[in-house]
Every structure is written in structure tokens, then in C-alpha cells.
mmCIF file of all heavy atoms, coordinates in Angstrom:
data_MODEL
# 
_entry.id   MODEL 
# 
loop_
_atom_site.group_PDB 
_atom_site.id 
_atom_site.type_symbol 
_atom_site.label_atom_id 
_atom_site.label_alt_id 
_atom_site.label_comp_id 
_atom_site.label_asym_id 
_atom_site.label_entity_id 
_atom_site.label_seq_id 
_atom_site.pdbx_PDB_ins_code 
_atom_site.Cartn_x 
_atom_site.Cartn_y 
_atom_site.Cartn_z 
_atom_site.occupancy 
_atom_site.B_iso_or_equiv 
_atom_site.pdbx_formal_charge 
_atom_site.auth_seq_id 
_atom_site.auth_comp_id 
_atom_site.auth_asym_id 
_atom_site.auth_atom_id 
_atom_site.pdbx_PDB_model_num 
ATOM 1   N N   . PRO A 1 1  ? -0.632  10.954  12.165  1.00 0.00 ? 1  PRO A N   1 
ATOM 2   C CA  . PRO A 1 1  ? -1.161  12.029  11.301  1.00 0.00 ? 1  PRO A CA  1 
ATOM 3   C C   . PRO A 1 1  ? -0.124  12.573  10.327  1.00 0.00 ? 1  PRO A C   1 
ATOM 4   O O   . PRO A 1 1  ? -0.445  12.859  9.161   1.00 0.00 ? 1  PRO A O   1 
ATOM 5   C CB  . PRO A 1 1  ? -1.602  13.097  12.311  1.00 0.00 ? 1  PRO A CB  1 
ATOM 6   C CG  . PRO A 1 1  ? -1.922  12.328  13.550  1.00 0.00 ? 1  PRO A CG  1 
ATOM 7   C CD  . PRO A 1 1  ? -0.905  11.231  13.595  1.00 0.00 ? 1  PRO A CD  1 
ATOM 8   N N   . SER A 1 2  ? 1.120   12.725  10.779  1.00 0.00 ? 2  SER A N   1 
ATOM 9   C CA  . SER A 1 2  ? 2.157   13.253  9.880   1.00 0.00 ? 2  SER A CA  1 
ATOM 10  C C   . SER A 1 2  ? 2.569   12.210  8.848   1.00 0.00 ? 2  SER A C   1 
ATOM 11  O O   . SER A 1 2  ? 2.981   12.554  7.739   1.00 0.00 ? 2  SER A O   1 
ATOM 12  C CB  . SER A 1 2  ? 3.382   13.697  10.692  1.00 0.00 ? 2  SER A CB  1 
ATOM 13  O OG  . SER A 1 2  ? 3.958   12.603  11.388  1.00 0.00 ? 2  SER A OG  1 
ATOM 14  N N   . MET A 1 3  ? 2.458   10.933  9.176   1.00 0.00 ? 3  MET A N   1 
ATOM 15  C CA  . MET A 1 3  ? 2.793   9.879   8.217   1.00 0.00 ? 3  MET A CA  1 
ATOM 16  C C   . MET A 1 3  ? 1.714   9.738   7.141   1.00 0.00 ? 3  MET A C   1 
ATOM 17  O O   . MET A 1 3  ? 2.019   9.411   5.992   1.00 0.00 ? 3  MET A O   1 
ATOM 18  C CB  . MET A 1 3  ? 2.987   8.543   8.938   1.00 0.00 ? 3  MET A CB  1 
ATOM 19  C CG  . MET A 1 3  ? 4.198   8.488   9.850   1.00 0.00 ? 3  MET A CG  1 
ATOM 20  S SD  . MET A 1 3  ? 4.473   6.834   10.509  1.00 0.00 ? 3  MET A SD  1 
ATOM 21  C CE  . MET A 1 3  ? 4.868   5.907   9.036   1.00 0.00 ? 3  MET A CE  1 
ATOM 22  N N   . LEU A 1 4  ? 0.470   9.980   7.512   1.00 0.00 ? 4  LEU A N   1 
ATOM 23  C CA  . LEU A 1 4  ? -0.623  9.838   6.556   1.00 0.00 ? 4  LEU A CA  1 
ATOM 24  C C   . LEU A 1 4  ? -0.535  10.862  5.432   1.00 0.00 ? 4  LEU A C   1 
ATOM 25  O O   . LEU A 1 4  ? -0.887  10.577  4.288   1.00 0.00 ? 4  LEU A O   1 
ATOM 26  C CB  . LEU A 1 4  ? -1.978  9.978   7.272   1.00 0.00 ? 4  LEU A CB  1 
ATOM 27  C CG  . LEU A 1 4  ? -2.389  8.829   8.189   1.00 0.00 ? 4  LEU A CG  1 
ATOM 28  C CD1 . LEU A 1 4  ? -3.704  9.149   8.882   1.00 0.00 ? 4  LEU A CD1 1 
ATOM 29  C CD2 . LEU A 1 4  ? -2.518  7.528   7.413   1.00 0.00 ? 4  LEU A CD2 1 
ATOM 30  N N   . LYS A 1 5  ? -0.092  12.077  5.777   1.00 0.00 ? 5  LYS A N   1 
ATOM 31  C CA  . LYS A 1 5  ? -0.006  13.165  4.785   1.00 0.00 ? 5  LYS A CA  1 
ATOM 32  C C   . LYS A 1 5  ? -1.360  13.340  4.103   1.00 0.00 ? 5  LYS A C   1 
ATOM 33  O O   . LYS A 1 5  ? -2.317  13.740  4.725   1.00 0.00 ? 5  LYS A O   1 
ATOM 34  C CB  . LYS A 1 5  ? 1.120   12.887  3.793   1.00 0.00 ? 5  LYS A CB  1 
ATOM 35  C CG  . LYS A 1 5  ? 2.502   12.876  4.432   1.00 0.00 ? 5  LYS A CG  1 
ATOM 36  C CD  . LYS A 1 5  ? 3.603   12.611  3.403   1.00 0.00 ? 5  LYS A CD  1 
ATOM 37  C CE  . LYS A 1 5  ? 4.972   12.606  4.074   1.00 0.00 ? 5  LYS A CE  1 
ATOM 38  N NZ  . LYS A 1 5  ? 6.056   12.304  3.111   1.00 0.00 ? 5  LYS A NZ  1 
ATOM 39  N N   . GLU A 1 6  ? -1.459  13.024  2.805   1.00 0.00 ? 6  GLU A N   1 
ATOM 40  C CA  . GLU A 1 6  ? -2.704  13.268  2.081   1.00 0.00 ? 6  GLU A CA  1 
ATOM 41  C C   . GLU A 1 6  ? -3.692  12.110  2.178   1.00 0.00 ? 6  GLU A C   1 
ATOM 42  O O   . GLU A 1 6  ? -4.834  12.237  1.747   1.00 0.00 ? 6  GLU A O   1 
ATOM 43  C CB  . GLU A 1 6  ? -2.401  13.557  0.607   1.00 0.00 ? 6  GLU A CB  1 
ATOM 44  C CG  . GLU A 1 6  ? -1.649  14.859  0.381   1.00 0.00 ? 6  GLU A CG  1 
ATOM 45  C CD  . GLU A 1 6  ? -1.349  15.096  -1.087  1.00 0.00 ? 6  GLU A CD  1 
ATOM 46  O OE1 . GLU A 1 6  ? -0.519  14.352  -1.651  1.00 0.00 ? 6  GLU A OE1 1 
ATOM 47  O OE2 . GLU A 1 6  ? -1.945  16.012  -1.667  1.00 0.00 ? 6  GLU A OE2 1 
ATOM 48  N N   . TRP A 1 7  ? -3.254  10.973  2.721   1.00 0.00 ? 7  TRP A N   1 
ATOM 49  C CA  . TRP A 1 7  ? -4.178  9.851   2.867   1.00 0.00 ? 7  TRP A CA  1 
ATOM 50  C C   . TRP A 1 7  ? -5.188  10.145  3.970   1.00 0.00 ? 7  TRP A C   1 
ATOM 51  O O   . TRP A 1 7  ? -4.828  10.692  5.018   1.00 0.00 ? 7  TRP A O   1 
ATOM 52  C CB  . TRP A 1 7  ? -3.428  8.562   3.181   1.00 0.00 ? 7  TRP A CB  1 
ATOM 53  C CG  . TRP A 1 7  ? -3.080  7.788   1.949   1.00 0.00 ? 7  TRP A CG  1 
ATOM 54  C CD1 . TRP A 1 7  ? -3.848  6.849   1.324   1.00 0.00 ? 7  TRP A CD1 1 
ATOM 55  C CD2 . TRP A 1 7  ? -1.882  7.896   1.168   1.00 0.00 ? 7  TRP A CD2 1 
ATOM 56  N NE1 . TRP A 1 7  ? -3.206  6.364   0.205   1.00 0.00 ? 7  TRP A NE1 1 
ATOM 57  C CE2 . TRP A 1 7  ? -1.991  6.996   0.083   1.00 0.00 ? 7  TRP A CE2 1 
ATOM 58  C CE3 . TRP A 1 7  ? -0.723  8.664   1.290   1.00 0.00 ? 7  TRP A CE3 1 
ATOM 59  C CZ2 . TRP A 1 7  ? -1.003  6.831   -0.858  1.00 0.00 ? 7  TRP A CZ2 1 
ATOM 60  C CZ3 . TRP A 1 7  ? 0.265   8.511   0.333   1.00 0.00 ? 7  TRP A CZ3 1 
ATOM 61  C CH2 . TRP A 1 7  ? 0.116   7.610   -0.721  1.00 0.00 ? 7  TRP A CH2 1 
ATOM 62  N N   . PRO A 1 8  ? -6.442  9.765   3.791   1.00 0.00 ? 8  PRO A N   1 
ATOM 63  C CA  . PRO A 1 8  ? -7.475  10.099  4.776   1.00 0.00 ? 8  PRO A CA  1 
ATOM 64  C C   . PRO A 1 8  ? -7.402  9.278   6.055   1.00 0.00 ? 8  PRO A C   1 
ATOM 65  O O   . PRO A 1 8  ? -7.874  9.715   7.110   1.00 0.00 ? 8  PRO A O   1 
ATOM 66  C CB  . PRO A 1 8  ? -8.784  9.815   4.030   1.00 0.00 ? 8  PRO A CB  1 
ATOM 67  C CG  . PRO A 1 8  ? -8.414  8.760   3.031   1.00 0.00 ? 8  PRO A CG  1 
ATOM 68  C CD  . PRO A 1 8  ? -7.016  9.092   2.600   1.00 0.00 ? 8  PRO A CD  1 
ATOM 69  N N   . ASN A 1 9  ? -6.823  8.069   5.980   1.00 0.00 ? 9  ASN A N   1 
ATOM 70  C CA  . ASN A 1 9  ? -6.812  7.187   7.147   1.00 0.00 ? 9  ASN A CA  1 
ATOM 71  C C   . ASN A 1 9  ? -5.795  6.071   6.948   1.00 0.00 ? 9  ASN A C   1 
ATOM 72  O O   . ASN A 1 9  ? -5.224  5.905   5.855   1.00 0.00 ? 9  ASN A O   1 
ATOM 73  C CB  . ASN A 1 9  ? -8.206  6.598   7.394   1.00 0.00 ? 9  ASN A CB  1 
ATOM 74  C CG  . ASN A 1 9  ? -8.820  6.043   6.122   1.00 0.00 ? 9  ASN A CG  1 
ATOM 75  O OD1 . ASN A 1 9  ? -8.285  5.130   5.501   1.00 0.00 ? 9  ASN A OD1 1 
ATOM 76  N ND2 . ASN A 1 9  ? -9.944  6.620   5.698   1.00 0.00 ? 9  ASN A ND2 1 
ATOM 77  N N   . THR A 1 10 ? -5.575  5.298   8.009   1.00 0.00 ? 10 THR A N   1 
ATOM 78  C CA  . THR A 1 10 ? -4.591  4.209   7.951   1.00 0.00 ? 10 THR A CA  1 
ATOM 79  C C   . THR A 1 10 ? -5.033  3.094   7.015   1.00 0.00 ? 10 THR A C   1 
ATOM 80  O O   . THR A 1 10 ? -4.200  2.398   6.428   1.00 0.00 ? 10 THR A O   1 
ATOM 81  C CB  . THR A 1 10 ? -4.339  3.630   9.350   1.00 0.00 ? 10 THR A CB  1 
ATOM 82  O OG1 . THR A 1 10 ? -5.588  3.180   9.913   1.00 0.00 ? 10 THR A OG1 1 
ATOM 83  C CG2 . THR A 1 10 ? -3.741  4.686   10.282  1.00 0.00 ? 10 THR A CG2 1 
ATOM 84  N N   . TYR A 1 11 ? -6.332  2.921   6.869   1.00 0.00 ? 11 TYR A N   1 
ATOM 85  C CA  . TYR A 1 11 ? -6.841  1.872   5.977   1.00 0.00 ? 11 TYR A CA  1 
ATOM 86  C C   . TYR A 1 11 ? -6.428  2.141   4.533   1.00 0.00 ? 11 TYR A C   1 
ATOM 87  O O   . TYR A 1 11 ? -5.849  1.271   3.857   1.00 0.00 ? 11 TYR A O   1 
ATOM 88  C CB  . TYR A 1 11 ? -8.366  1.798   6.089   1.00 0.00 ? 11 TYR A CB  1 
ATOM 89  C CG  . TYR A 1 11 ? -9.017  0.905   5.062   1.00 0.00 ? 11 TYR A CG  1 
ATOM 90  C CD1 . TYR A 1 11 ? -8.847  -0.480  5.105   1.00 0.00 ? 11 TYR A CD1 1 
ATOM 91  C CD2 . TYR A 1 11 ? -9.812  1.438   4.049   1.00 0.00 ? 11 TYR A CD2 1 
ATOM 92  C CE1 . TYR A 1 11 ? -9.444  -1.310  4.169   1.00 0.00 ? 11 TYR A CE1 1 
ATOM 93  C CE2 . TYR A 1 11 ? -10.416 0.617   3.105   1.00 0.00 ? 11 TYR A CE2 1 
ATOM 94  C CZ  . TYR A 1 11 ? -10.231 -0.749  3.170   1.00 0.00 ? 11 TYR A CZ  1 
ATOM 95  O OH  . TYR A 1 11 ? -10.824 -1.572  2.235   1.00 0.00 ? 11 TYR A OH  1 
ATOM 96  N N   . ALA A 1 12 ? -6.705  3.345   4.033   1.00 0.00 ? 12 ALA A N   1 
ATOM 97  C CA  . ALA A 1 12 ? -6.396  3.671   2.642   1.00 0.00 ? 12 ALA A CA  1 
ATOM 98  C C   . ALA A 1 12 ? -4.897  3.625   2.388   1.00 0.00 ? 12 ALA A C   1 
ATOM 99  O O   . ALA A 1 12 ? -4.447  3.110   1.350   1.00 0.00 ? 12 ALA A O   1 
ATOM 100 C CB  . ALA A 1 12 ? -6.962  5.052   2.286   1.00 0.00 ? 12 ALA A CB  1 
ATOM 101 N N   . MET A 1 13 ? -4.107  4.158   3.325   1.00 0.00 ? 13 MET A N   1 
ATOM 102 C CA  . MET A 1 13 ? -2.658  4.189   3.110   1.00 0.00 ? 13 MET A CA  1 
ATOM 103 C C   . MET A 1 13 ? -2.059  2.787   3.084   1.00 0.00 ? 13 MET A C   1 
ATOM 104 O O   . MET A 1 13 ? -1.252  2.459   2.206   1.00 0.00 ? 13 MET A O   1 
ATOM 105 C CB  . MET A 1 13 ? -1.968  5.021   4.188   1.00 0.00 ? 13 MET A CB  1 
ATOM 106 C CG  . MET A 1 13 ? -0.468  5.210   3.916   1.00 0.00 ? 13 MET A CG  1 
ATOM 107 S SD  . MET A 1 13 ? 0.412   6.149   5.169   1.00 0.00 ? 13 MET A SD  1 
ATOM 108 C CE  . MET A 1 13 ? 0.608   4.897   6.447   1.00 0.00 ? 13 MET A CE  1 
ATOM 109 N N   . THR A 1 14 ? -2.455  1.937   4.037   1.00 0.00 ? 14 THR A N   1 
ATOM 110 C CA  . THR A 1 14 ? -1.885  0.585   4.073   1.00 0.00 ? 14 THR A CA  1 
ATOM 111 C C   . THR A 1 14 ? -2.348  -0.246  2.882   1.00 0.00 ? 14 THR A C   1 
ATOM 112 O O   . THR A 1 14 ? -1.615  -1.117  2.396   1.00 0.00 ? 14 THR A O   1 
ATOM 113 C CB  . THR A 1 14 ? -2.228  -0.138  5.390   1.00 0.00 ? 14 THR A CB  1 
ATOM 114 O OG1 . THR A 1 14 ? -3.650  -0.095  5.607   1.00 0.00 ? 14 THR A OG1 1 
ATOM 115 C CG2 . THR A 1 14 ? -1.518  0.517   6.566   1.00 0.00 ? 14 THR A CG2 1 
ATOM 116 N N   . LYS A 1 15 ? -3.520  0.030   2.371   1.00 0.00 ? 15 LYS A N   1 
ATOM 117 C CA  . LYS A 1 15 ? -3.988  -0.665  1.176   1.00 0.00 ? 15 LYS A CA  1 
ATOM 118 C C   . LYS A 1 15 ? -3.164  -0.248  -0.044  1.00 0.00 ? 15 LYS A C   1 
ATOM 119 O O   . LYS A 1 15 ? -2.883  -1.074  -0.935  1.00 0.00 ? 15 LYS A O   1 
ATOM 120 C CB  . LYS A 1 15 ? -5.475  -0.386  0.945   1.00 0.00 ? 15 LYS A CB  1 
ATOM 121 C CG  . LYS A 1 15 ? -6.412  -1.248  1.773   1.00 0.00 ? 15 LYS A CG  1 
ATOM 122 C CD  . LYS A 1 15 ? -6.299  -2.708  1.381   1.00 0.00 ? 15 LYS A CD  1 
ATOM 123 C CE  . LYS A 1 15 ? -7.387  -3.560  1.973   1.00 0.00 ? 15 LYS A CE  1 
ATOM 124 N NZ  . LYS A 1 15 ? -7.284  -4.980  1.543   1.00 0.00 ? 15 LYS A NZ  1 
ATOM 125 N N   . ALA A 1 16 ? -2.774  1.032   -0.099  1.00 0.00 ? 16 ALA A N   1 
ATOM 126 C CA  . ALA A 1 16 ? -1.930  1.502   -1.198  1.00 0.00 ? 16 ALA A CA  1 
ATOM 127 C C   . ALA A 1 16 ? -0.563  0.831   -1.154  1.00 0.00 ? 16 ALA A C   1 
ATOM 128 O O   . ALA A 1 16 ? -0.033  0.389   -2.180  1.00 0.00 ? 16 ALA A O   1 
ATOM 129 C CB  . ALA A 1 16 ? -1.777  3.025   -1.116  1.00 0.00 ? 16 ALA A CB  1 
ATOM 130 N N   . ILE A 1 17 ? -0.003  0.743   0.043   1.00 0.00 ? 17 ILE A N   1 
ATOM 131 C CA  . ILE A 1 17 ? 1.305   0.103   0.201   1.00 0.00 ? 17 ILE A CA  1 
ATOM 132 C C   . ILE A 1 17 ? 1.216   -1.396  -0.108  1.00 0.00 ? 17 ILE A C   1 
ATOM 133 O O   . ILE A 1 17 ? 2.123   -1.980  -0.708  1.00 0.00 ? 17 ILE A O   1 
ATOM 134 C CB  . ILE A 1 17 ? 1.850   0.338   1.624   1.00 0.00 ? 17 ILE A CB  1 
ATOM 135 C CG1 . ILE A 1 17 ? 2.046   1.843   1.857   1.00 0.00 ? 17 ILE A CG1 1 
ATOM 136 C CG2 . ILE A 1 17 ? 3.162   -0.409  1.854   1.00 0.00 ? 17 ILE A CG2 1 
ATOM 137 C CD1 . ILE A 1 17 ? 2.332   2.216   3.301   1.00 0.00 ? 17 ILE A CD1 1 
ATOM 138 N N   . ALA A 1 18 ? 0.095   -2.006  0.288   1.00 0.00 ? 18 ALA A N   1 
ATOM 139 C CA  . ALA A 1 18 ? -0.100  -3.438  0.019   1.00 0.00 ? 18 ALA A CA  1 
ATOM 140 C C   . ALA A 1 18 ? -0.080  -3.717  -1.483  1.00 0.00 ? 18 ALA A C   1 
ATOM 141 O O   . ALA A 1 18 ? 0.493   -4.717  -1.928  1.00 0.00 ? 18 ALA A O   1 
ATOM 142 C CB  . ALA A 1 18 ? -1.422  -3.899  0.632   1.00 0.00 ? 18 ALA A CB  1 
ATOM 143 N N   . GLU A 1 19 ? -0.689  -2.844  -2.267  1.00 0.00 ? 19 GLU A N   1 
ATOM 144 C CA  . GLU A 1 19 ? -0.674  -3.047  -3.723  1.00 0.00 ? 19 GLU A CA  1 
ATOM 145 C C   . GLU A 1 19 ? 0.761   -3.022  -4.248  1.00 0.00 ? 19 GLU A C   1 
ATOM 146 O O   . GLU A 1 19 ? 1.105   -3.765  -5.169  1.00 0.00 ? 19 GLU A O   1 
ATOM 147 C CB  . GLU A 1 19 ? -1.515  -1.972  -4.408  1.00 0.00 ? 19 GLU A CB  1 
ATOM 148 C CG  . GLU A 1 19 ? -3.011  -2.146  -4.205  1.00 0.00 ? 19 GLU A CG  1 
ATOM 149 C CD  . GLU A 1 19 ? -3.821  -1.164  -5.028  1.00 0.00 ? 19 GLU A CD  1 
ATOM 150 O OE1 . GLU A 1 19 ? -3.228  -0.467  -5.880  1.00 0.00 ? 19 GLU A OE1 1 
ATOM 151 O OE2 . GLU A 1 19 ? -5.045  -1.083  -4.833  1.00 0.00 ? 19 GLU A OE2 1 
ATOM 152 N N   . GLY A 1 20 ? 1.599   -2.170  -3.645  1.00 0.00 ? 20 GLY A N   1 
ATOM 153 C CA  . GLY A 1 20 ? 3.005   -2.114  -4.055  1.00 0.00 ? 20 GLY A CA  1 
ATOM 154 C C   . GLY A 1 20 ? 3.742   -3.401  -3.765  1.00 0.00 ? 20 GLY A C   1 
ATOM 155 O O   . GLY A 1 20 ? 4.718   -3.746  -4.462  1.00 0.00 ? 20 GLY A O   1 
ATOM 156 N N   . GLU A 1 21 ? 3.289   -4.136  -2.751  1.00 0.00 ? 21 GLU A N   1 
ATOM 157 C CA  . GLU A 1 21 ? 3.938   -5.399  -2.400  1.00 0.00 ? 21 GLU A CA  1 
ATOM 158 C C   . GLU A 1 21 ? 3.728   -6.467  -3.468  1.00 0.00 ? 21 GLU A C   1 
ATOM 159 O O   . GLU A 1 21 ? 4.513   -7.407  -3.585  1.00 0.00 ? 21 GLU A O   1 
ATOM 160 C CB  . GLU A 1 21 ? 3.417   -5.906  -1.047  1.00 0.00 ? 21 GLU A CB  1 
ATOM 161 C CG  . GLU A 1 21 ? 3.749   -4.997  0.126   1.00 0.00 ? 21 GLU A CG  1 
ATOM 162 C CD  . GLU A 1 21 ? 5.243   -4.720  0.226   1.00 0.00 ? 21 GLU A CD  1 
ATOM 163 O OE1 . GLU A 1 21 ? 5.992   -5.649  0.559   1.00 0.00 ? 21 GLU A OE1 1 
ATOM 164 O OE2 . GLU A 1 21 ? 5.642   -3.570  -0.045  1.00 0.00 ? 21 GLU A OE2 1 
ATOM 165 N N   . ILE A 1 22 ? 2.658   -6.335  -4.226  1.00 0.00 ? 22 ILE A N   1 
ATOM 166 C CA  . ILE A 1 22 ? 2.384   -7.309  -5.286  1.00 0.00 ? 22 ILE A CA  1 
ATOM 167 C C   . ILE A 1 22 ? 3.477   -7.265  -6.349  1.00 0.00 ? 22 ILE A C   1 
ATOM 168 O O   . ILE A 1 22 ? 3.907   -8.294  -6.883  1.00 0.00 ? 22 ILE A O   1 
ATOM 169 C CB  . ILE A 1 22 ? 0.999   -7.048  -5.905  1.00 0.00 ? 22 ILE A CB  1 
ATOM 170 C CG1 . ILE A 1 22 ? -0.088  -7.356  -4.861  1.00 0.00 ? 22 ILE A CG1 1 
ATOM 171 C CG2 . ILE A 1 22 ? 0.785   -7.889  -7.164  1.00 0.00 ? 22 ILE A CG2 1 
ATOM 172 C CD1 . ILE A 1 22 ? -1.491  -7.019  -5.308  1.00 0.00 ? 22 ILE A CD1 1 
ATOM 173 N N   . ALA A 1 23 ? 3.956   -6.044  -6.634  1.00 0.00 ? 23 ALA A N   1 
ATOM 174 C CA  . ALA A 1 23 ? 5.033   -5.903  -7.624  1.00 0.00 ? 23 ALA A CA  1 
ATOM 175 C C   . ALA A 1 23 ? 6.341   -6.515  -7.129  1.00 0.00 ? 23 ALA A C   1 
ATOM 176 O O   . ALA A 1 23 ? 7.160   -6.987  -7.927  1.00 0.00 ? 23 ALA A O   1 
ATOM 177 C CB  . ALA A 1 23 ? 5.241   -4.425  -7.946  1.00 0.00 ? 23 ALA A CB  1 
ATOM 178 N N   . VAL A 1 24 ? 6.523   -6.533  -5.789  1.00 0.00 ? 24 VAL A N   1 
ATOM 179 C CA  . VAL A 1 24 ? 7.767   -7.048  -5.205  1.00 0.00 ? 24 VAL A CA  1 
ATOM 180 C C   . VAL A 1 24 ? 7.702   -8.554  -4.980  1.00 0.00 ? 24 VAL A C   1 
ATOM 181 O O   . VAL A 1 24 ? 8.595   -9.301  -5.378  1.00 0.00 ? 24 VAL A O   1 
ATOM 182 C CB  . VAL A 1 24 ? 8.075   -6.331  -3.869  1.00 0.00 ? 24 VAL A CB  1 
ATOM 183 C CG1 . VAL A 1 24 ? 9.339   -6.904  -3.229  1.00 0.00 ? 24 VAL A CG1 1 
ATOM 184 C CG2 . VAL A 1 24 ? 8.219   -4.832  -4.098  1.00 0.00 ? 24 VAL A CG2 1 
ATOM 185 N N   . HIS A 1 25 ? 6.630   -8.995  -4.314  1.00 0.00 ? 25 HIS A N   1 
ATOM 186 C CA  . HIS A 1 25 ? 6.533   -10.402 -3.904  1.00 0.00 ? 25 HIS A CA  1 
ATOM 187 C C   . HIS A 1 25 ? 5.609   -11.238 -4.791  1.00 0.00 ? 25 HIS A C   1 
ATOM 188 O O   . HIS A 1 25 ? 5.490   -12.444 -4.572  1.00 0.00 ? 25 HIS A O   1 
ATOM 189 C CB  . HIS A 1 25 ? 6.042   -10.486 -2.455  1.00 0.00 ? 25 HIS A CB  1 
ATOM 190 C CG  . HIS A 1 25 ? 6.945   -9.821  -1.464  1.00 0.00 ? 25 HIS A CG  1 
ATOM 191 N ND1 . HIS A 1 25 ? 8.151   -10.360 -1.064  1.00 0.00 ? 25 HIS A ND1 1 
ATOM 192 C CD2 . HIS A 1 25 ? 6.825   -8.644  -0.796  1.00 0.00 ? 25 HIS A CD2 1 
ATOM 193 C CE1 . HIS A 1 25 ? 8.722   -9.554  -0.187  1.00 0.00 ? 25 HIS A CE1 1 
ATOM 194 N NE2 . HIS A 1 25 ? 7.952   -8.503  -0.003  1.00 0.00 ? 25 HIS A NE2 1 
ATOM 195 N N   . GLY A 1 26 ? 4.948   -10.594 -5.762  1.00 0.00 ? 26 GLY A N   1 
ATOM 196 C CA  . GLY A 1 26 ? 3.979   -11.328 -6.575  1.00 0.00 ? 26 GLY A CA  1 
ATOM 197 C C   . GLY A 1 26 ? 4.464   -11.674 -7.966  1.00 0.00 ? 26 GLY A C   1 
ATOM 198 O O   . GLY A 1 26 ? 3.671   -12.113 -8.809  1.00 0.00 ? 26 GLY A O   1 
ATOM 199 N N   . LYS A 1 27 ? 5.755   -11.508 -8.217  1.00 0.00 ? 27 LYS A N   1 
ATOM 200 C CA  . LYS A 1 27 ? 6.298   -11.833 -9.547  1.00 0.00 ? 27 LYS A CA  1 
ATOM 201 C C   . LYS A 1 27 ? 6.214   -13.341 -9.805  1.00 0.00 ? 27 LYS A C   1 
ATOM 202 O O   . LYS A 1 27 ? 6.518   -14.143 -8.929  1.00 0.00 ? 27 LYS A O   1 
ATOM 203 C CB  . LYS A 1 27 ? 7.741   -11.360 -9.652  1.00 0.00 ? 27 LYS A CB  1 
ATOM 204 C CG  . LYS A 1 27 ? 7.897   -9.842  -9.621  1.00 0.00 ? 27 LYS A CG  1 
ATOM 205 C CD  . LYS A 1 27 ? 9.361   -9.441  -9.692  1.00 0.00 ? 27 LYS A CD  1 
ATOM 206 C CE  . LYS A 1 27 ? 9.513   -7.918  -9.656  1.00 0.00 ? 27 LYS A CE  1 
ATOM 207 N NZ  . LYS A 1 27 ? 10.936  -7.495  -9.677  1.00 0.00 ? 27 LYS A NZ  1 
ATOM 208 N N   . GLY A 1 28 ? 5.781   -13.671 -10.987 1.00 0.00 ? 28 GLY A N   1 
ATOM 209 C CA  . GLY A 1 28 ? 5.768   -15.079 -11.376 1.00 0.00 ? 28 GLY A CA  1 
ATOM 210 C C   . GLY A 1 28 ? 4.527   -15.839 -10.960 1.00 0.00 ? 28 GLY A C   1 
ATOM 211 O O   . GLY A 1 28 ? 4.485   -17.065 -11.075 1.00 0.00 ? 28 GLY A O   1 
ATOM 212 N N   . ILE A 1 29 ? 3.493   -15.139 -10.478 1.00 0.00 ? 29 ILE A N   1 
ATOM 213 C CA  . ILE A 1 29 ? 2.248   -15.826 -10.115 1.00 0.00 ? 29 ILE A CA  1 
ATOM 214 C C   . ILE A 1 29 ? 1.074   -15.136 -10.811 1.00 0.00 ? 29 ILE A C   1 
ATOM 215 O O   . ILE A 1 29 ? 1.123   -13.937 -11.102 1.00 0.00 ? 29 ILE A O   1 
ATOM 216 C CB  . ILE A 1 29 ? 2.013   -15.860 -8.587  1.00 0.00 ? 29 ILE A CB  1 
ATOM 217 C CG1 . ILE A 1 29 ? 1.908   -14.446 -8.013  1.00 0.00 ? 29 ILE A CG1 1 
ATOM 218 C CG2 . ILE A 1 29 ? 3.085   -16.648 -7.880  1.00 0.00 ? 29 ILE A CG2 1 
ATOM 219 C CD1 . ILE A 1 29 ? 1.512   -14.425 -6.543  1.00 0.00 ? 29 ILE A CD1 1 
ATOM 220 N N   . PRO A 1 30 ? -0.003  -15.880 -11.085 1.00 0.00 ? 30 PRO A N   1 
ATOM 221 C CA  . PRO A 1 30 ? -1.184  -15.308 -11.749 1.00 0.00 ? 30 PRO A CA  1 
ATOM 222 C C   . PRO A 1 30 ? -2.031  -14.516 -10.755 1.00 0.00 ? 30 PRO A C   1 
ATOM 223 O O   . PRO A 1 30 ? -2.929  -15.061 -10.104 1.00 0.00 ? 30 PRO A O   1 
ATOM 224 C CB  . PRO A 1 30 ? -1.928  -16.540 -12.258 1.00 0.00 ? 30 PRO A CB  1 
ATOM 225 C CG  . PRO A 1 30 ? -1.541  -17.627 -11.285 1.00 0.00 ? 30 PRO A CG  1 
ATOM 226 C CD  . PRO A 1 30 ? -0.128  -17.335 -10.866 1.00 0.00 ? 30 PRO A CD  1 
# 
């Protein structure tokens, strides 16, 4: 609960973090 902060649930938060991974590991691919 304290890690979620303003996120409503673990699904939404992990999906937000997953999008950030595209910028890190998705360079150079379509």
C-alpha cells in the first residue's frame, strides 16, 4: 500500500513501470 502511493493497484503501477522499460531496453527496434 505504501509503495502504490497514488496508483490504485499493482496492475496499473507495474504497467506504468513496464512502459518505462521500453525506453531502456527497446532502443533500436520498431
